[in-house]
Amino acid sequence: MALKKNFTDLANEAKSRIREITPQEVAQKLNNRAAGWVLIDVRENDEFRAGHLPGARGIGRGVLEYHIADEVPDTETEIILYCRGGNRSALAADALREMGYTNVFSMSGGYREWTQDAARPVTTEGEPIQH
């Protein structure tokens, strides 16, 4: 009988195969207005609408693989993914890695850690990609 894995097990396995970036590093990229990278919020649409990082594209975890080629056609583009706590984005980063994207990061700690620093910007502007 095969061992059963839970969500945390799957996320931890994904984290062993992907690269993570800290909220502090993402904040520096936003502050420096660095170009050439894409920020994707993989949370659900209602979570995105409630508040997200400025400049983030809302592409829910359930439809990311379907929409990614249209949104980011160049597989070498730097992509930073985030979710609420860092697990869904790790799974999403692992999936994009499997699809051939070579420069993908998951933001450790997710939106929850991002908002612990009141100086970090949050917005409710924009709409997520509809599925």
N, C-alpha and C. Protein backbone atom coordinates (compact mmCIF):
# COMPACT_ATOMS: atom_id res chain seq x y z
N MET A 1 0.84 -1.19 0.00
CA MET A 1 0.00 0.00 0.00
C MET A 1 0.88 1.25 0.00
N ALA A 2 0.60 2.15 -0.91
CA ALA A 2 1.39 3.36 -1.05
C ALA A 2 1.14 4.32 0.11
N LEU A 3 2.19 5.04 0.47
CA LEU A 3 2.05 6.06 1.50
C LEU A 3 1.24 7.21 0.94
N LYS A 4 0.39 7.77 1.77
CA LYS A 4 -0.41 8.91 1.34
C LYS A 4 0.31 10.19 1.72
N LYS A 5 0.22 11.17 0.84
CA LYS A 5 0.84 12.47 1.09
C LYS A 5 -0.25 13.50 1.26
N ASN A 6 0.00 14.46 2.14
CA ASN A 6 -0.94 15.56 2.29
C ASN A 6 -0.42 16.79 1.54
N PHE A 7 -1.20 17.85 1.58
CA PHE A 7 -0.86 19.08 0.87
C PHE A 7 0.52 19.60 1.28
N THR A 8 0.80 19.59 2.57
CA THR A 8 2.08 20.08 3.06
C THR A 8 3.22 19.24 2.53
N ASP A 9 3.04 17.93 2.49
CA ASP A 9 4.07 17.04 1.94
C ASP A 9 4.36 17.40 0.48
N LEU A 10 3.31 17.58 -0.30
CA LEU A 10 3.47 17.93 -1.71
C LEU A 10 4.17 19.28 -1.87
N ALA A 11 3.77 20.25 -1.06
CA ALA A 11 4.38 21.58 -1.13
C ALA A 11 5.86 21.53 -0.75
N ASN A 12 6.18 20.77 0.29
CA ASN A 12 7.58 20.65 0.71
C ASN A 12 8.42 19.97 -0.35
N GLU A 13 7.86 18.97 -1.01
CA GLU A 13 8.58 18.31 -2.10
C GLU A 13 8.82 19.30 -3.23
N ALA A 14 7.80 20.09 -3.56
CA ALA A 14 7.95 21.09 -4.62
C ALA A 14 9.04 22.10 -4.24
N LYS A 15 9.06 22.52 -2.98
CA LYS A 15 10.06 23.49 -2.53
C LYS A 15 11.48 22.96 -2.66
N SER A 16 11.63 21.65 -2.63
CA SER A 16 12.97 21.07 -2.79
C SER A 16 13.44 21.15 -4.24
N ARG A 17 12.52 21.40 -5.18
CA ARG A 17 12.86 21.44 -6.60
C ARG A 17 12.85 22.84 -7.20
N ILE A 18 12.36 23.83 -6.45
CA ILE A 18 12.22 25.18 -6.99
C ILE A 18 13.10 26.16 -6.22
N ARG A 19 13.12 27.40 -6.70
CA ARG A 19 13.85 28.45 -6.00
C ARG A 19 12.85 29.39 -5.34
N GLU A 20 13.20 29.84 -4.15
CA GLU A 20 12.35 30.79 -3.44
C GLU A 20 13.04 32.15 -3.38
N ILE A 21 12.22 33.18 -3.24
CA ILE A 21 12.68 34.55 -3.09
C ILE A 21 11.95 35.13 -1.89
N THR A 22 12.62 35.95 -1.11
CA THR A 22 12.00 36.50 0.10
C THR A 22 11.14 37.71 -0.24
N PRO A 23 10.18 38.03 0.63
CA PRO A 23 9.40 39.25 0.44
C PRO A 23 10.30 40.50 0.39
N GLN A 24 11.38 40.49 1.16
CA GLN A 24 12.30 41.63 1.14
C GLN A 24 12.91 41.81 -0.24
N GLU A 25 13.28 40.70 -0.88
CA GLU A 25 13.87 40.77 -2.23
C GLU A 25 12.84 41.24 -3.26
N VAL A 26 11.60 40.79 -3.11
CA VAL A 26 10.54 41.24 -4.01
C VAL A 26 10.29 42.74 -3.81
N ALA A 27 10.28 43.20 -2.57
CA ALA A 27 10.08 44.62 -2.28
C ALA A 27 11.18 45.45 -2.94
N GLN A 28 12.42 44.98 -2.90
CA GLN A 28 13.52 45.71 -3.54
C GLN A 28 13.30 45.80 -5.05
N LYS A 29 12.83 44.71 -5.65
CA LYS A 29 12.57 44.71 -7.10
C LYS A 29 11.46 45.72 -7.43
N LEU A 30 10.41 45.74 -6.60
CA LEU A 30 9.32 46.70 -6.83
C LEU A 30 9.80 48.13 -6.63
N ASN A 31 10.58 48.37 -5.59
CA ASN A 31 11.08 49.72 -5.29
C ASN A 31 12.01 50.23 -6.38
N ASN A 32 12.81 49.34 -6.95
CA ASN A 32 13.77 49.73 -7.98
C ASN A 32 13.13 49.75 -9.37
N ARG A 33 11.85 49.38 -9.41
CA ARG A 33 11.12 49.32 -10.68
C ARG A 33 11.89 48.51 -11.72
N ALA A 34 12.48 47.43 -11.25
CA ALA A 34 13.24 46.54 -12.14
C ALA A 34 12.32 46.04 -13.25
N ALA A 35 12.84 46.02 -14.45
CA ALA A 35 12.05 45.59 -15.61
C ALA A 35 12.39 44.15 -15.98
N GLY A 36 11.55 43.59 -16.81
CA GLY A 36 11.86 42.28 -17.37
C GLY A 36 11.43 41.09 -16.53
N TRP A 37 10.62 41.33 -15.52
CA TRP A 37 10.13 40.21 -14.72
C TRP A 37 8.63 40.34 -14.55
N VAL A 38 7.99 39.23 -14.21
CA VAL A 38 6.54 39.18 -14.09
C VAL A 38 6.18 38.67 -12.70
N LEU A 39 5.23 39.34 -12.06
CA LEU A 39 4.75 38.98 -10.74
C LEU A 39 3.34 38.41 -10.87
N ILE A 40 3.14 37.19 -10.40
CA ILE A 40 1.85 36.52 -10.54
C ILE A 40 1.33 36.07 -9.18
N ASP A 41 0.11 36.50 -8.89
CA ASP A 41 -0.63 36.10 -7.69
C ASP A 41 -1.45 34.86 -8.07
N VAL A 42 -1.14 33.72 -7.46
CA VAL A 42 -1.84 32.47 -7.82
C VAL A 42 -3.00 32.16 -6.88
N ARG A 43 -3.38 33.13 -6.05
CA ARG A 43 -4.52 32.90 -5.15
C ARG A 43 -5.82 32.95 -5.94
N GLU A 44 -6.91 32.65 -5.29
CA GLU A 44 -8.22 32.69 -5.92
C GLU A 44 -8.61 34.13 -6.24
N ASN A 45 -9.55 34.30 -7.17
CA ASN A 45 -9.96 35.64 -7.60
C ASN A 45 -10.41 36.54 -6.46
N ASP A 46 -11.19 36.00 -5.51
CA ASP A 46 -11.66 36.83 -4.40
C ASP A 46 -10.50 37.27 -3.50
N GLU A 47 -9.51 36.44 -3.35
CA GLU A 47 -8.33 36.81 -2.56
C GLU A 47 -7.57 37.94 -3.27
N PHE A 48 -7.42 37.83 -4.59
CA PHE A 48 -6.74 38.86 -5.37
C PHE A 48 -7.46 40.19 -5.24
N ARG A 49 -8.78 40.16 -5.40
CA ARG A 49 -9.57 41.39 -5.34
C ARG A 49 -9.50 42.06 -3.96
N ALA A 50 -9.32 41.27 -2.91
CA ALA A 50 -9.26 41.81 -1.55
C ALA A 50 -7.96 42.57 -1.28
N GLY A 51 -6.94 42.31 -2.08
CA GLY A 51 -5.66 42.99 -1.92
C GLY A 51 -4.53 42.15 -2.48
N HIS A 52 -3.61 42.82 -3.21
CA HIS A 52 -2.49 42.11 -3.82
C HIS A 52 -1.31 43.07 -3.99
N LEU A 53 -0.18 42.53 -4.37
CA LEU A 53 1.00 43.34 -4.59
C LEU A 53 0.81 44.18 -5.86
N PRO A 54 1.28 45.43 -5.84
CA PRO A 54 1.17 46.28 -7.02
C PRO A 54 1.86 45.64 -8.22
N GLY A 55 1.18 45.67 -9.35
CA GLY A 55 1.75 45.13 -10.57
C GLY A 55 1.55 43.64 -10.76
N ALA A 56 0.97 42.98 -9.77
CA ALA A 56 0.77 41.54 -9.88
C ALA A 56 -0.36 41.23 -10.85
N ARG A 57 -0.20 40.15 -11.57
CA ARG A 57 -1.26 39.62 -12.42
C ARG A 57 -1.95 38.52 -11.63
N GLY A 58 -3.25 38.55 -11.58
CA GLY A 58 -4.00 37.52 -10.86
C GLY A 58 -4.33 36.36 -11.78
N ILE A 59 -3.59 35.26 -11.62
CA ILE A 59 -3.85 34.05 -12.39
C ILE A 59 -3.93 32.90 -11.39
N GLY A 60 -5.14 32.51 -11.05
CA GLY A 60 -5.34 31.49 -10.02
C GLY A 60 -4.60 30.19 -10.29
N ARG A 61 -4.20 29.54 -9.24
CA ARG A 61 -3.45 28.29 -9.31
C ARG A 61 -4.13 27.26 -10.20
N GLY A 62 -5.44 27.22 -10.20
CA GLY A 62 -6.17 26.23 -10.97
C GLY A 62 -6.14 26.44 -12.47
N VAL A 63 -5.78 27.66 -12.93
CA VAL A 63 -5.78 27.95 -14.37
C VAL A 63 -4.42 28.44 -14.87
N LEU A 64 -3.43 28.46 -14.01
CA LEU A 64 -2.12 29.01 -14.37
C LEU A 64 -1.50 28.29 -15.57
N GLU A 65 -1.46 26.98 -15.54
CA GLU A 65 -0.82 26.24 -16.63
C GLU A 65 -1.54 26.49 -17.96
N TYR A 66 -2.83 26.72 -17.90
CA TYR A 66 -3.61 26.98 -19.10
C TYR A 66 -3.28 28.34 -19.70
N HIS A 67 -3.10 29.36 -18.86
CA HIS A 67 -2.92 30.75 -19.31
C HIS A 67 -1.46 31.19 -19.44
N ILE A 68 -0.52 30.47 -18.88
CA ILE A 68 0.85 30.98 -18.78
C ILE A 68 1.49 31.26 -20.14
N ALA A 69 1.26 30.42 -21.13
CA ALA A 69 1.90 30.63 -22.43
C ALA A 69 1.44 31.92 -23.09
N ASP A 70 0.19 32.31 -22.88
CA ASP A 70 -0.31 33.58 -23.41
C ASP A 70 0.22 34.76 -22.61
N GLU A 71 0.28 34.61 -21.30
CA GLU A 71 0.71 35.71 -20.43
C GLU A 71 2.23 35.91 -20.45
N VAL A 72 2.97 34.81 -20.48
CA VAL A 72 4.44 34.87 -20.46
C VAL A 72 4.96 33.87 -21.50
N PRO A 73 5.00 34.29 -22.76
CA PRO A 73 5.40 33.36 -23.81
C PRO A 73 6.88 32.95 -23.77
N ASP A 74 7.75 33.83 -23.25
CA ASP A 74 9.18 33.54 -23.20
C ASP A 74 9.49 32.73 -21.93
N THR A 75 9.91 31.50 -22.11
CA THR A 75 10.15 30.60 -20.96
C THR A 75 11.38 30.99 -20.15
N GLU A 76 12.15 31.99 -20.61
CA GLU A 76 13.31 32.45 -19.84
C GLU A 76 13.01 33.71 -19.02
N THR A 77 11.81 34.27 -19.17
CA THR A 77 11.41 35.45 -18.40
C THR A 77 11.40 35.11 -16.91
N GLU A 78 11.89 36.04 -16.09
CA GLU A 78 11.83 35.84 -14.65
C GLU A 78 10.38 35.98 -14.20
N ILE A 79 9.89 34.95 -13.51
CA ILE A 79 8.53 34.93 -12.99
C ILE A 79 8.60 34.74 -11.49
N ILE A 80 7.92 35.61 -10.76
CA ILE A 80 7.80 35.45 -9.31
C ILE A 80 6.34 35.18 -9.00
N LEU A 81 6.09 34.06 -8.34
CA LEU A 81 4.74 33.65 -7.96
C LEU A 81 4.56 33.83 -6.46
N TYR A 82 3.35 34.16 -6.05
CA TYR A 82 3.06 34.17 -4.62
C TYR A 82 1.62 33.76 -4.38
N CYS A 83 1.37 33.31 -3.17
CA CYS A 83 0.02 32.94 -2.72
C CYS A 83 -0.14 33.47 -1.30
N ARG A 84 -0.99 32.87 -0.51
CA ARG A 84 -1.20 33.38 0.85
C ARG A 84 -0.03 33.05 1.76
N GLY A 85 0.47 31.81 1.69
CA GLY A 85 1.52 31.42 2.63
C GLY A 85 2.77 30.83 2.01
N GLY A 86 2.79 30.65 0.71
CA GLY A 86 3.99 30.13 0.04
C GLY A 86 3.91 28.69 -0.43
N ASN A 87 2.80 28.00 -0.14
CA ASN A 87 2.70 26.61 -0.57
C ASN A 87 2.10 26.45 -1.97
N ARG A 88 0.99 27.13 -2.23
CA ARG A 88 0.39 27.04 -3.58
C ARG A 88 1.36 27.58 -4.62
N SER A 89 2.06 28.66 -4.28
CA SER A 89 3.02 29.22 -5.25
C SER A 89 4.19 28.28 -5.47
N ALA A 90 4.59 27.53 -4.47
CA ALA A 90 5.65 26.53 -4.65
C ALA A 90 5.19 25.44 -5.61
N LEU A 91 3.96 24.96 -5.44
CA LEU A 91 3.41 23.96 -6.35
C LEU A 91 3.31 24.52 -7.76
N ALA A 92 2.88 25.77 -7.88
CA ALA A 92 2.75 26.41 -9.18
C ALA A 92 4.13 26.59 -9.84
N ALA A 93 5.13 26.99 -9.06
CA ALA A 93 6.48 27.16 -9.59
C ALA A 93 7.02 25.83 -10.08
N ASP A 94 6.74 24.77 -9.36
CA ASP A 94 7.19 23.44 -9.76
C ASP A 94 6.52 23.03 -11.07
N ALA A 95 5.24 23.34 -11.22
CA ALA A 95 4.53 23.01 -12.46
C ALA A 95 5.12 23.79 -13.64
N LEU A 96 5.42 25.08 -13.44
CA LEU A 96 6.01 25.87 -14.52
C LEU A 96 7.40 25.37 -14.86
N ARG A 97 8.14 24.94 -13.86
CA ARG A 97 9.46 24.35 -14.10
C ARG A 97 9.31 23.12 -14.99
N GLU A 98 8.31 22.29 -14.69
CA GLU A 98 8.05 21.10 -15.50
C GLU A 98 7.66 21.47 -16.93
N MET A 99 7.05 22.63 -17.11
CA MET A 99 6.62 23.09 -18.43
C MET A 99 7.76 23.74 -19.21
N GLY A 100 8.92 23.86 -18.59
CA GLY A 100 10.08 24.40 -19.29
C GLY A 100 10.44 25.83 -18.94
N TYR A 101 9.74 26.45 -18.00
CA TYR A 101 10.11 27.79 -17.56
C TYR A 101 11.35 27.68 -16.67
N THR A 102 12.36 28.48 -16.99
CA THR A 102 13.68 28.28 -16.38
C THR A 102 14.04 29.30 -15.30
N ASN A 103 13.22 30.32 -15.12
CA ASN A 103 13.59 31.40 -14.21
C ASN A 103 12.40 31.74 -13.30
N VAL A 104 11.90 30.74 -12.60
CA VAL A 104 10.69 30.87 -11.79
C VAL A 104 11.05 30.83 -10.30
N PHE A 105 10.40 31.70 -9.54
CA PHE A 105 10.60 31.77 -8.09
C PHE A 105 9.25 31.78 -7.39
N SER A 106 9.23 31.26 -6.19
CA SER A 106 8.07 31.34 -5.31
C SER A 106 8.45 32.25 -4.14
N MET A 107 7.57 33.21 -3.82
CA MET A 107 7.87 34.11 -2.70
C MET A 107 7.59 33.39 -1.38
N SER A 108 8.64 33.19 -0.61
CA SER A 108 8.50 32.51 0.68
C SER A 108 7.61 33.32 1.61
N GLY A 109 6.77 32.63 2.35
CA GLY A 109 5.90 33.30 3.31
C GLY A 109 4.65 33.92 2.71
N GLY A 110 4.66 34.13 1.39
CA GLY A 110 3.49 34.60 0.67
C GLY A 110 2.98 35.97 1.09
N TYR A 111 1.74 36.21 0.70
CA TYR A 111 1.07 37.49 0.97
C TYR A 111 0.97 37.75 2.47
N ARG A 112 0.78 36.70 3.23
CA ARG A 112 0.68 36.84 4.69
C ARG A 112 1.95 37.49 5.24
N GLU A 113 3.12 37.01 4.81
CA GLU A 113 4.37 37.60 5.29
C GLU A 113 4.58 39.00 4.69
N TRP A 114 4.19 39.18 3.44
CA TRP A 114 4.32 40.49 2.79
C TRP A 114 3.62 41.56 3.61
N THR A 115 2.40 41.30 4.05
CA THR A 115 1.60 42.30 4.75
C THR A 115 1.99 42.50 6.21
N GLN A 116 2.92 41.71 6.72
CA GLN A 116 3.38 41.92 8.10
C GLN A 116 4.22 43.19 8.23
N ASP A 117 4.73 43.69 7.11
CA ASP A 117 5.49 44.94 7.10
C ASP A 117 4.58 46.02 6.52
N ALA A 118 4.12 46.92 7.36
CA ALA A 118 3.14 47.94 6.95
C ALA A 118 3.68 48.87 5.86
N ALA A 119 4.98 48.92 5.70
CA ALA A 119 5.56 49.79 4.67
C ALA A 119 5.46 49.19 3.27
N ARG A 120 5.17 47.91 3.19
CA ARG A 120 5.07 47.26 1.88
C ARG A 120 3.73 47.58 1.23
N PRO A 121 3.75 47.94 -0.05
CA PRO A 121 2.52 48.36 -0.72
C PRO A 121 1.58 47.21 -1.04
N VAL A 122 0.28 47.52 -0.98
CA VAL A 122 -0.80 46.60 -1.34
C VAL A 122 -1.81 47.41 -2.12
N THR A 123 -2.46 46.80 -3.08
CA THR A 123 -3.48 47.50 -3.87
C THR A 123 -4.68 46.59 -4.09
N THR A 124 -5.79 47.21 -4.44
CA THR A 124 -6.98 46.44 -4.85
C THR A 124 -7.32 46.77 -6.30
N GLU A 125 -6.45 47.48 -6.98
CA GLU A 125 -6.69 47.85 -8.38
C GLU A 125 -6.46 46.67 -9.30
N GLY A 126 -7.23 46.62 -10.36
CA GLY A 126 -7.05 45.58 -11.36
C GLY A 126 -7.93 44.37 -11.08
N GLU A 127 -8.10 43.58 -12.13
CA GLU A 127 -8.92 42.38 -12.06
C GLU A 127 -8.07 41.16 -12.39
N PRO A 128 -8.36 40.05 -11.74
CA PRO A 128 -7.64 38.81 -12.10
C PRO A 128 -8.08 38.32 -13.47
N ILE A 129 -7.28 37.46 -14.06
CA ILE A 129 -7.65 36.85 -15.33
C ILE A 129 -8.85 35.94 -15.06
N GLN A 130 -9.85 36.08 -15.87
CA GLN A 130 -11.07 35.29 -15.69
C GLN A 130 -10.88 33.91 -16.30
N HIS A 131 -11.47 32.91 -15.63
CA HIS A 131 -11.40 31.55 -16.20
C HIS A 131 -12.73 31.07 -16.58
